[in-house]
Protein backbone atom coordinates (compact mmCIF):
# COMPACT_ATOMS: atom_id res chain seq x y z
CA MET A 1 8.05 -34.27 9.84
CA ALA A 2 5.76 -31.29 10.42
CA LEU A 3 7.44 -27.91 10.10
CA LEU A 4 5.57 -26.43 13.09
CA GLU A 5 4.15 -28.42 16.00
CA VAL A 6 2.01 -26.69 18.62
CA GLU A 7 1.04 -28.93 21.52
CA GLY A 8 -1.27 -28.01 24.39
CA ALA A 9 -0.65 -24.28 23.95
CA THR A 10 -2.20 -22.35 26.82
CA VAL A 11 -1.84 -18.63 27.53
CA GLN A 12 -3.24 -17.14 30.72
CA PHE A 13 -3.36 -13.55 31.93
CA GLY A 14 -4.10 -13.66 35.62
CA GLY A 15 -7.44 -15.46 35.90
CA LEU A 16 -8.22 -15.12 32.18
CA THR A 17 -7.39 -17.96 29.83
CA ALA A 18 -6.87 -16.44 26.37
CA VAL A 19 -5.75 -19.68 24.67
CA SER A 20 -6.65 -23.09 26.10
CA ASP A 21 -4.88 -26.38 25.25
CA VAL A 22 -4.55 -25.79 21.49
CA SER A 23 -2.67 -28.36 19.42
CA PHE A 24 -2.02 -28.45 15.68
CA THR A 25 0.71 -28.86 13.08
CA VAL A 26 1.69 -26.99 9.92
CA GLU A 27 3.27 -28.92 7.07
CA PRO A 28 5.79 -27.47 4.57
CA GLY A 29 4.19 -26.09 1.43
CA THR A 30 0.71 -25.61 2.91
CA VAL A 31 -1.55 -22.75 3.95
CA ARG A 32 -3.41 -23.11 7.27
CA ALA A 33 -5.88 -20.44 8.33
CA LEU A 34 -7.05 -19.58 11.82
CA ILE A 35 -10.49 -17.97 12.02
CA GLY A 36 -12.86 -16.97 14.78
CA PRO A 37 -14.55 -13.92 16.29
CA ASN A 38 -12.73 -10.97 17.81
CA GLY A 39 -11.30 -11.95 21.18
CA ALA A 40 -11.11 -15.65 20.30
CA GLY A 41 -7.36 -15.72 21.04
CA LYS A 42 -6.04 -15.87 17.49
CA THR A 43 -3.48 -13.08 17.75
CA THR A 44 -2.44 -14.22 21.24
CA LEU A 45 -1.69 -17.66 19.79
CA PHE A 46 0.33 -16.05 16.99
CA ARG A 47 2.28 -14.03 19.51
CA ALA A 48 3.01 -17.16 21.55
CA ILE A 49 4.36 -18.97 18.48
CA ALA A 50 6.60 -16.01 17.62
CA ARG A 51 7.58 -15.69 21.33
CA ASP A 52 6.12 -12.22 21.73
CA GLU A 53 3.92 -13.84 24.37
CA GLN A 54 4.81 -16.39 27.05
CA LEU A 55 3.12 -19.79 27.06
CA SER A 56 1.63 -20.70 30.42
CA ARG A 57 1.64 -24.37 29.41
CA GLY A 58 2.40 -26.40 26.32
CA SER A 59 5.14 -26.34 23.72
CA VAL A 60 6.01 -25.09 20.24
CA ARG A 61 8.48 -26.97 18.05
CA PHE A 62 9.90 -25.77 14.74
CA ARG A 63 11.71 -28.29 12.54
CA GLY A 64 11.62 -30.66 15.48
CA GLU A 65 13.32 -28.27 17.89
CA PRO A 66 11.58 -26.48 20.79
CA ILE A 67 11.35 -22.71 20.28
CA HIS A 68 8.93 -21.69 23.04
CA GLN A 69 11.77 -20.61 25.33
CA LEU A 70 13.74 -18.64 22.74
CA THR A 71 13.67 -14.87 22.30
CA PRO A 72 11.58 -13.39 19.45
CA ASN A 73 14.77 -12.55 17.53
CA GLU A 74 16.02 -16.11 17.87
CA VAL A 75 12.70 -17.47 16.61
CA SER A 76 12.87 -15.11 13.65
CA ARG A 77 16.41 -16.20 12.86
CA ARG A 78 15.29 -19.84 12.89
CA GLY A 79 12.95 -18.99 10.01
CA VAL A 80 9.60 -18.00 11.56
CA ARG A 81 8.62 -14.54 10.30
CA ARG A 82 5.38 -12.67 10.97
CA THR A 83 3.38 -9.61 10.08
CA PHE A 84 1.35 -7.59 12.56
CA GLN A 85 -2.38 -6.88 12.73
CA ASN A 86 -1.89 -3.15 13.27
CA GLY A 87 1.16 -2.71 11.06
CA GLY A 88 4.79 -2.47 12.06
CA LEU A 89 6.50 -0.24 9.52
CA PHE A 90 8.92 2.57 10.32
CA GLY A 91 7.13 5.66 9.04
CA ASP A 92 10.30 7.72 8.65
CA LEU A 93 11.94 5.07 6.45
CA THR A 94 11.17 4.47 2.79
CA ALA A 95 9.41 1.31 1.63
CA LEU A 96 12.77 0.03 0.39
CA GLU A 97 14.49 0.76 3.71
CA ASN A 98 11.70 -1.00 5.60
CA VAL A 99 12.23 -4.12 3.49
CA LEU A 100 15.97 -3.88 4.11
CA THR A 101 15.32 -4.04 7.86
CA GLY A 102 13.88 -7.49 7.18
CA LEU A 103 17.07 -8.46 5.37
CA HIS A 104 19.40 -7.39 8.19
CA ILE A 105 20.08 -11.04 9.06
CA GLU A 106 21.63 -11.62 5.65
CA ILE A 107 23.59 -8.39 5.29
CA ASP A 108 27.29 -8.89 6.08
CA SER A 109 27.88 -5.44 7.48
CA SER A 110 29.68 -5.65 10.79
CA LEU A 111 30.56 -2.42 12.58
CA LEU A 112 34.18 -2.81 11.53
CA GLY A 113 33.14 -3.45 7.93
CA LEU A 114 31.04 -0.31 7.87
CA VAL A 115 33.82 1.75 9.39
CA VAL A 116 36.49 0.65 6.95
CA GLY A 117 34.03 0.40 4.06
CA SER A 118 35.05 -3.14 3.15
CA LYS A 119 34.25 -4.39 -0.33
CA ARG A 120 32.47 -7.40 1.14
CA SER A 121 30.13 -5.24 3.22
CA ARG A 122 29.32 -2.96 0.30
CA ALA A 123 28.68 -5.95 -1.96
CA SER A 124 26.35 -7.50 0.62
CA GLU A 125 24.39 -4.27 0.97
CA ARG A 126 24.07 -3.90 -2.81
CA ALA A 127 22.83 -7.48 -3.09
CA ALA A 128 20.29 -6.87 -0.32
CA THR A 129 19.07 -3.69 -2.01
CA ARG A 130 18.62 -5.54 -5.31
CA ARG A 131 16.63 -8.28 -3.60
CA ALA A 132 14.46 -5.75 -1.75
CA ARG A 133 13.60 -3.97 -5.00
CA GLU A 134 12.86 -7.29 -6.72
CA LEU A 135 10.48 -8.29 -3.93
CA LEU A 136 8.67 -4.95 -4.10
CA GLU A 137 8.31 -5.39 -7.85
CA MET A 138 7.02 -8.94 -7.34
CA MET A 139 4.27 -7.56 -5.11
CA GLY A 140 3.41 -4.89 -7.68
CA ILE A 141 4.58 -1.95 -5.56
CA GLY A 142 8.04 -1.31 -6.96
CA HIS A 143 6.97 2.24 -7.80
CA VAL A 144 6.71 3.15 -4.09
CA ALA A 145 10.19 1.89 -3.16
CA ASP A 146 11.57 5.37 -2.45
CA GLN A 147 8.48 6.81 -0.78
CA PHE A 148 8.27 7.19 3.00
CA ALA A 149 6.12 4.50 4.60
CA ARG A 150 4.01 7.12 6.37
CA ASP A 151 2.94 8.52 2.98
CA LEU A 152 1.71 5.19 1.59
CA SER A 153 -1.91 4.08 1.52
CA GLY A 154 -3.04 1.49 4.05
CA GLY A 155 -3.02 -1.19 1.37
CA GLN A 156 0.47 -0.26 0.21
CA GLN A 157 1.76 -0.32 3.79
CA ARG A 158 0.28 -3.80 4.23
CA MET A 159 2.01 -5.04 1.09
CA VAL A 160 5.36 -3.54 2.19
CA GLU A 161 5.04 -5.28 5.54
CA ILE A 162 4.42 -8.61 3.83
CA VAL A 163 7.43 -8.04 1.55
CA ARG A 164 9.58 -7.34 4.62
CA ALA A 165 8.45 -10.62 6.19
CA LEU A 166 9.25 -12.46 2.94
CA ALA A 167 12.66 -10.84 2.58
CA THR A 168 14.70 -13.71 4.02
CA ASP A 169 12.65 -16.39 2.23
CA PRO A 170 11.42 -17.89 5.54
CA PRO A 171 10.21 -21.50 5.74
CA LEU A 172 7.22 -20.37 7.84
CA LEU A 173 5.30 -17.14 7.42
CA LEU A 174 2.74 -15.97 9.99
CA LEU A 175 0.32 -13.50 8.42
CA ASP A 176 -2.01 -11.58 10.73
CA GLU A 177 -4.94 -10.35 8.61
CA PRO A 178 -2.94 -9.82 5.40
CA ALA A 179 -5.98 -8.80 3.32
CA VAL A 180 -7.00 -5.89 5.58
CA GLY A 181 -7.01 -2.59 3.70
CA LEU A 182 -6.47 -4.18 0.28
CA ALA A 183 -8.74 -3.39 -2.65
CA PRO A 184 -10.29 -6.49 -4.28
CA PRO A 185 -7.83 -6.58 -7.23
CA VAL A 186 -4.84 -6.28 -4.87
CA ARG A 187 -6.35 -8.88 -2.57
CA LEU A 188 -6.59 -11.26 -5.52
CA GLU A 189 -2.97 -10.52 -6.41
CA LEU A 190 -1.91 -11.25 -2.82
CA LEU A 191 -3.81 -14.54 -2.91
CA GLU A 192 -1.95 -15.55 -6.07
CA ILE A 193 1.41 -14.55 -4.55
CA ILE A 194 0.77 -16.64 -1.43
CA ARG A 195 -0.17 -19.68 -3.50
CA ARG A 196 2.91 -19.20 -5.69
CA LEU A 197 5.18 -19.04 -2.64
CA VAL A 198 3.66 -22.23 -1.29
CA GLU A 199 3.73 -24.15 -4.56
CA THR A 200 7.11 -23.06 -5.94
CA ARG A 201 9.17 -22.44 -2.79
CA GLY A 202 7.53 -24.79 -0.34
CA THR A 203 6.83 -21.92 2.07
CA ALA A 204 4.38 -22.78 4.85
CA VAL A 205 1.84 -20.08 5.73
CA LEU A 206 -0.23 -19.76 8.88
CA LEU A 207 -2.68 -16.88 8.64
CA ILE A 208 -5.38 -15.10 10.60
CA GLU A 209 -8.03 -13.51 8.42
CA HIS A 210 -11.60 -12.24 8.69
CA ALA A 211 -12.18 -12.09 4.92
CA ILE A 212 -13.87 -15.49 4.71
CA GLU A 213 -13.84 -15.88 0.93
CA PHE A 214 -10.13 -15.05 0.89
CA VAL A 215 -9.57 -17.73 3.55
CA MET A 216 -11.67 -20.31 1.71
CA THR A 217 -9.80 -19.72 -1.54
CA VAL A 218 -6.19 -19.54 -0.32
CA SER A 219 -6.20 -22.16 2.45
CA ASP A 220 -5.51 -25.88 2.35
CA SER A 221 -6.98 -26.27 5.83
CA ILE A 222 -8.78 -24.08 8.34
CA MET A 223 -8.92 -24.05 12.14
CA VAL A 224 -11.69 -22.33 14.10
CA LEU A 225 -10.96 -20.80 17.49
CA ASN A 226 -13.66 -19.72 19.94
CA ASN A 227 -13.00 -18.41 23.45
CA GLY A 228 -9.43 -19.63 23.20
CA THR A 229 -10.45 -23.20 22.32
CA LEU A 230 -10.04 -24.98 18.99
CA ILE A 231 -13.60 -26.06 18.11
CA ALA A 232 -13.22 -27.22 14.50
CA GLU A 233 -10.66 -27.86 11.79
CA GLY A 234 -10.64 -29.31 8.31
CA THR A 235 -10.62 -28.45 4.63
CA PRO A 236 -12.46 -25.32 3.46
CA ASP A 237 -15.37 -27.50 2.30
CA GLU A 238 -15.53 -29.29 5.65
CA VAL A 239 -15.51 -26.01 7.56
CA ARG A 240 -18.21 -24.58 5.29
CA GLN A 241 -20.44 -27.53 6.22
CA ASN A 242 -19.75 -27.44 9.96
CA ARG A 243 -23.02 -26.29 11.55
CA GLU A 244 -21.40 -24.58 14.55
CA VAL A 245 -19.00 -22.69 12.31
CA LEU A 246 -21.75 -21.72 9.88
CA GLU A 247 -23.94 -20.34 12.65
CA ALA A 248 -21.25 -18.62 14.71
CA TYR A 249 -18.75 -17.30 12.15
CA LEU A 250 -20.09 -17.41 8.63
CA GLY A 251 -23.50 -16.02 9.51
CA ARG A 252 -25.46 -18.81 7.83
């Protein structure tokens, strides 16, 4: 069974159709990329999957269950986590604290537990802090754990946001332009981390990205969106050879 099933997804804003009748699936342990020009509807489609946007028509199923009528928090709790194109960190929190906000689902710290300082709550918070630091180290940014997010470089902020999305080990990760702001060596490291997550943990990744070589290297399959419509999909080699894609998006 496919992990994610999108069927006939359509998003309209008044008379404008941003996404039109898009259908696809994402299998466990695979990377699917969504490419296309600015304004093609890629981020709108992401938002509809995560329930930050309302579908006008169509459905989204995760692990066989419909999620297109749930709240964003409920979708996240089911195991669909995402990053944001323009960042979503809390500037006044440290990198470590930002990652901990992604672990809030797993922290057993009820209001009563915090008030009475229960051993269980403290143990849960210590475990979450250890995991957050381990994830930051895994991404090569453990040294910024105690720095405020607002003081980090754009690339470091991007990596912290990805770590926060990974914090609960989600089955499906939606990455909106993860390579933006990353220097080439860090971009290569991110590529290796994504492939490791997919191959060792079975994580499924759906990503939007404009860095074509990054997409071609990291992806198992690629979908091309234009004016809200899915116009092509296939392996990286198949997409490279698609004349319409070559002319419109790869500049060849």
